[in-house]
Amino acid sequence: MPEFIVEKYKAEHAIAIMDSGHTRSMDDPTHAQIMEQSKFSVTLMADDKPIICSGIVELWPGVGEGWFVATDDLTNHPITIARATKEVLYDQIDEGGYWRLQANIRTTWFTAVRFSEFLGFEKEGVMKKFGPDGANYLRVAIVK
């Protein structure tokens, strides 16, 4: 079993995931750099390799937009990874004072949709042709 550690997010973590060819989300390295500015951005490392990068960007007080990029290794240890992610996420929600956290997930990334449900997100609807390539995305949210 790999050793899992939560670290402060660095753009190089997301770029490593994107370069591995296993990500199905963030495609532009510029976004990886922008997310470094967020107070609530972290990386879950497994044996010194980034598995998931995630964070919250505040839209306005009380409302945040969640984001994440992940490797396919997400499915190798799903329970451990999901529990660690959930614990960090709810700590961030509490610390940030968010009553709503929303996110967008490509409808064809079934693992991410199931993962979001485990984290407590509820489906709100499909955003047709939302992605930069015209793909459909699912809007999900945690509302306290």
C-alpha atoms as a PDB file:
ATOM      1  CA  MET A   1       0.000   0.000   0.000  1.00  0.00           C
ATOM      2  CA  PRO A   2       1.457   3.378  -0.940  1.00  0.00           C
ATOM      3  CA  GLU A   3       2.057   6.090   1.634  1.00  0.00           C
ATOM      4  CA  PHE A   4      -0.502   8.892   1.164  1.00  0.00           C
ATOM      5  CA  ILE A   5       0.372  12.458   2.176  1.00  0.00           C
ATOM      6  CA  VAL A   6      -1.562  15.709   1.695  1.00  0.00           C
ATOM      7  CA  GLU A   7       0.700  18.568   0.586  1.00  0.00           C
ATOM      8  CA  LYS A   8       0.206  22.210  -0.300  1.00  0.00           C
ATOM      9  CA  TYR A   9      -0.648  22.342  -3.993  1.00  0.00           C
ATOM     10  CA  LYS A  10       1.968  23.398  -6.548  1.00  0.00           C
ATOM     11  CA  ALA A  11       1.311  23.887 -10.253  1.00  0.00           C
ATOM     12  CA  GLU A  12       3.971  21.274 -11.017  1.00  0.00           C
ATOM     13  CA  HIS A  13       1.733  18.638  -9.374  1.00  0.00           C
ATOM     14  CA  ALA A  14      -1.177  19.248 -11.772  1.00  0.00           C
ATOM     15  CA  ILE A  15       1.171  19.580 -14.729  1.00  0.00           C
ATOM     16  CA  ALA A  16       2.705  16.172 -13.865  1.00  0.00           C
ATOM     17  CA  ILE A  17      -0.786  14.668 -13.834  1.00  0.00           C
ATOM     18  CA  MET A  18      -1.674  16.296 -17.162  1.00  0.00           C
ATOM     19  CA  ASP A  19       1.650  15.209 -18.697  1.00  0.00           C
ATOM     20  CA  SER A  20       0.976  11.603 -17.632  1.00  0.00           C
ATOM     21  CA  GLY A  21      -1.922  11.561 -20.077  1.00  0.00           C
ATOM     22  CA  HIS A  22      -4.271  10.169 -17.455  1.00  0.00           C
ATOM     23  CA  THR A  23      -6.264  13.283 -16.655  1.00  0.00           C
ATOM     24  CA  ARG A  24      -9.705  13.937 -18.017  1.00  0.00           C
ATOM     25  CA  SER A  25     -10.175  17.445 -16.716  1.00  0.00           C
ATOM     26  CA  MET A  26      -7.849  20.458 -16.727  1.00  0.00           C
ATOM     27  CA  ASP A  27      -6.131  20.668 -20.123  1.00  0.00           C
ATOM     28  CA  ASP A  28      -4.364  24.037 -19.934  1.00  0.00           C
ATOM     29  CA  PRO A  29      -1.197  24.405 -17.794  1.00  0.00           C
ATOM     30  CA  THR A  30      -2.127  28.077 -17.250  1.00  0.00           C
ATOM     31  CA  HIS A  31      -5.013  26.924 -15.065  1.00  0.00           C
ATOM     32  CA  ALA A  32      -2.596  24.845 -13.003  1.00  0.00           C
ATOM     33  CA  GLN A  33      -0.581  27.966 -12.237  1.00  0.00           C
ATOM     34  CA  ILE A  34      -3.630  30.101 -11.424  1.00  0.00           C
ATOM     35  CA  MET A  35      -4.820  27.542  -8.865  1.00  0.00           C
ATOM     36  CA  GLU A  36      -1.616  28.061  -6.852  1.00  0.00           C
ATOM     37  CA  GLN A  37      -3.130  31.372  -5.723  1.00  0.00           C
ATOM     38  CA  SER A  38      -6.074  29.652  -4.026  1.00  0.00           C
ATOM     39  CA  LYS A  39      -5.836  29.310  -0.257  1.00  0.00           C
ATOM     40  CA  PHE A  40      -7.562  25.940  -0.396  1.00  0.00           C
ATOM     41  CA  SER A  41      -5.528  24.021  -2.996  1.00  0.00           C
ATOM     42  CA  VAL A  42      -3.905  20.717  -1.990  1.00  0.00           C
ATOM     43  CA  THR A  43      -2.339  17.649  -3.563  1.00  0.00           C
ATOM     44  CA  LEU A  44      -2.759  14.070  -2.402  1.00  0.00           C
ATOM     45  CA  MET A  45       0.557  12.340  -2.989  1.00  0.00           C
ATOM     46  CA  ALA A  46       1.125   8.571  -3.105  1.00  0.00           C
ATOM     47  CA  ASP A  47       4.762   7.548  -2.779  1.00  0.00           C
ATOM     48  CA  ASP A  48       5.853  11.074  -3.787  1.00  0.00           C
ATOM     49  CA  LYS A  49       3.670  11.106  -6.931  1.00  0.00           C
ATOM     50  CA  PRO A  50       0.620  13.383  -7.256  1.00  0.00           C
ATOM     51  CA  ILE A  51      -2.643  11.424  -7.465  1.00  0.00           C
ATOM     52  CA  ILE A  52      -5.207  14.206  -7.031  1.00  0.00           C
ATOM     53  CA  CYS A  53      -4.894  17.972  -7.015  1.00  0.00           C
ATOM     54  CA  SER A  54      -7.941  19.833  -5.760  1.00  0.00           C
ATOM     55  CA  GLY A  55      -9.056  23.102  -4.341  1.00  0.00           C
ATOM     56  CA  ILE A  56     -11.709  25.733  -3.886  1.00  0.00           C
ATOM     57  CA  VAL A  57     -11.857  29.100  -5.586  1.00  0.00           C
ATOM     58  CA  GLU A  58     -14.092  31.554  -3.747  1.00  0.00           C
ATOM     59  CA  LEU A  59     -16.681  33.110  -6.044  1.00  0.00           C
ATOM     60  CA  TRP A  60     -17.987  35.363  -3.266  1.00  0.00           C
ATOM     61  CA  PRO A  61     -18.276  34.959   0.514  1.00  0.00           C
ATOM     62  CA  GLY A  62     -20.049  31.683   1.282  1.00  0.00           C
ATOM     63  CA  VAL A  63     -19.872  30.257  -2.254  1.00  0.00           C
ATOM     64  CA  GLY A  64     -16.942  28.408  -3.782  1.00  0.00           C
ATOM     65  CA  GLU A  65     -16.123  26.573  -6.990  1.00  0.00           C
ATOM     66  CA  GLY A  66     -14.399  23.236  -6.488  1.00  0.00           C
ATOM     67  CA  TRP A  67     -11.880  21.838  -8.957  1.00  0.00           C
ATOM     68  CA  PHE A  68      -9.678  18.785  -9.272  1.00  0.00           C
ATOM     69  CA  VAL A  69      -7.427  16.874 -11.617  1.00  0.00           C
ATOM     70  CA  ALA A  70      -6.598  13.236 -11.053  1.00  0.00           C
ATOM     71  CA  THR A  71      -4.713  10.323 -12.482  1.00  0.00           C
ATOM     72  CA  ASP A  72      -6.327   6.998 -13.240  1.00  0.00           C
ATOM     73  CA  ASP A  73      -4.636   5.818 -10.017  1.00  0.00           C
ATOM     74  CA  LEU A  74      -7.752   7.214  -8.355  1.00  0.00           C
ATOM     75  CA  THR A  75      -9.281   3.767  -8.854  1.00  0.00           C
ATOM     76  CA  ASN A  76      -6.318   1.810  -7.420  1.00  0.00           C
ATOM     77  CA  HIS A  77      -7.084   2.660  -3.776  1.00  0.00           C
ATOM     78  CA  PRO A  78     -10.539   4.217  -3.984  1.00  0.00           C
ATOM     79  CA  ILE A  79     -11.556   3.970  -0.331  1.00  0.00           C
ATOM     80  CA  THR A  80      -8.329   5.400   1.089  1.00  0.00           C
ATOM     81  CA  ILE A  81      -8.199   8.184  -1.506  1.00  0.00           C
ATOM     82  CA  ALA A  82     -11.895   9.035  -1.158  1.00  0.00           C
ATOM     83  CA  ARG A  83     -11.767   9.192   2.642  1.00  0.00           C
ATOM     84  CA  ALA A  84      -8.652  11.386   2.640  1.00  0.00           C
ATOM     85  CA  THR A  85     -10.157  13.705   0.037  1.00  0.00           C
ATOM     86  CA  LYS A  86     -13.474  13.946   1.873  1.00  0.00           C
ATOM     87  CA  GLU A  87     -11.805  14.828   5.181  1.00  0.00           C
ATOM     88  CA  VAL A  88      -9.724  17.598   3.602  1.00  0.00           C
ATOM     89  CA  LEU A  89     -12.688  18.906   1.587  1.00  0.00           C
ATOM     90  CA  TYR A  90     -15.000  19.279   4.587  1.00  0.00           C
ATOM     91  CA  ASP A  91     -12.219  20.936   6.615  1.00  0.00           C
ATOM     92  CA  GLN A  92     -11.823  23.450   3.765  1.00  0.00           C
ATOM     93  CA  ILE A  93     -15.590  24.040   3.555  1.00  0.00           C
ATOM     94  CA  ASP A  94     -15.740  24.741   7.292  1.00  0.00           C
ATOM     95  CA  GLU A  95     -12.613  26.906   7.369  1.00  0.00           C
ATOM     96  CA  GLY A  96     -13.776  28.921   4.351  1.00  0.00           C
ATOM     97  CA  GLY A  97     -17.285  29.379   5.738  1.00  0.00           C
ATOM     98  CA  TYR A  98     -18.877  28.023   2.559  1.00  0.00           C
ATOM     99  CA  TRP A  99     -22.597  27.263   2.510  1.00  0.00           C
ATOM    100  CA  ARG A 100     -22.374  26.251  -1.158  1.00  0.00           C
ATOM    101  CA  LEU A 101     -19.577  24.467  -2.976  1.00  0.00           C
ATOM    102  CA  GLN A 102     -20.213  23.714  -6.626  1.00  0.00           C
ATOM    103  CA  ALA A 103     -18.217  21.933  -9.306  1.00  0.00           C
ATOM    104  CA  ASN A 104     -18.429  20.833 -12.929  1.00  0.00           C
ATOM    105  CA  ILE A 105     -17.639  17.304 -14.104  1.00  0.00           C
ATOM    106  CA  ARG A 106     -17.482  16.012 -17.660  1.00  0.00           C
ATOM    107  CA  THR A 107     -20.525  13.744 -18.011  1.00  0.00           C
ATOM    108  CA  THR A 108     -18.453  10.965 -19.586  1.00  0.00           C
ATOM    109  CA  TRP A 109     -15.962  10.778 -16.683  1.00  0.00           C
ATOM    110  CA  PHE A 110     -17.982   8.229 -14.728  1.00  0.00           C
ATOM    111  CA  THR A 111     -15.321   7.689 -12.046  1.00  0.00           C
ATOM    112  CA  ALA A 112     -15.332  11.403 -11.211  1.00  0.00           C
ATOM    113  CA  VAL A 113     -19.139  11.520 -11.103  1.00  0.00           C
ATOM    114  CA  ARG A 114     -19.216   8.589  -8.646  1.00  0.00           C
ATOM    115  CA  PHE A 115     -16.362  10.127  -6.658  1.00  0.00           C
ATOM    116  CA  SER A 116     -18.274  13.425  -6.333  1.00  0.00           C
ATOM    117  CA  GLU A 117     -21.330  11.551  -5.056  1.00  0.00           C
ATOM    118  CA  PHE A 118     -19.225   9.866  -2.375  1.00  0.00           C
ATOM    119  CA  LEU A 119     -17.909  13.287  -1.356  1.00  0.00           C
ATOM    120  CA  GLY A 120     -21.493  14.478  -0.814  1.00  0.00           C
ATOM    121  CA  PHE A 121     -22.100  16.455  -3.986  1.00  0.00           C
ATOM    122  CA  GLU A 122     -25.621  16.319  -5.422  1.00  0.00           C
ATOM    123  CA  LYS A 123     -26.384  16.522  -9.138  1.00  0.00           C
ATOM    124  CA  GLU A 124     -28.066  19.754 -10.187  1.00  0.00           C
ATOM    125  CA  GLY A 125     -28.189  19.337 -13.944  1.00  0.00           C
ATOM    126  CA  VAL A 126     -26.344  18.943 -17.220  1.00  0.00           C
ATOM    127  CA  MET A 127     -24.636  21.954 -18.774  1.00  0.00           C
ATOM    128  CA  LYS A 128     -24.758  21.227 -22.481  1.00  0.00           C
ATOM    129  CA  LYS A 129     -21.702  22.112 -24.567  1.00  0.00           C
ATOM    130  CA  PHE A 130     -20.052  23.712 -21.527  1.00  0.00           C
ATOM    131  CA  GLY A 131     -16.495  22.426 -21.993  1.00  0.00           C
ATOM    132  CA  PRO A 132     -13.837  24.096 -24.117  1.00  0.00           C
ATOM    133  CA  ASP A 133     -14.285  21.292 -26.640  1.00  0.00           C
ATOM    134  CA  GLY A 134     -18.094  21.463 -26.538  1.00  0.00           C
ATOM    135  CA  ALA A 135     -18.455  18.537 -24.121  1.00  0.00           C
ATOM    136  CA  ASN A 136     -21.376  18.273 -21.719  1.00  0.00           C
ATOM    137  CA  TYR A 137     -20.673  18.784 -18.021  1.00  0.00           C
ATOM    138  CA  LEU A 138     -22.614  17.925 -14.919  1.00  0.00           C
ATOM    139  CA  ARG A 139     -23.139  20.667 -12.312  1.00  0.00           C
ATOM    140  CA  VAL A 140     -22.878  19.252  -8.803  1.00  0.00           C
ATOM    141  CA  ALA A 141     -23.015  21.008  -5.442  1.00  0.00           C
ATOM    142  CA  ILE A 142     -22.805  20.582  -1.695  1.00  0.00           C
ATOM    143  CA  VAL A 143     -25.282  22.929  -0.030  1.00  0.00           C
ATOM    144  CA  LYS A 144     -25.249  23.279   3.757  1.00  0.00           C
END
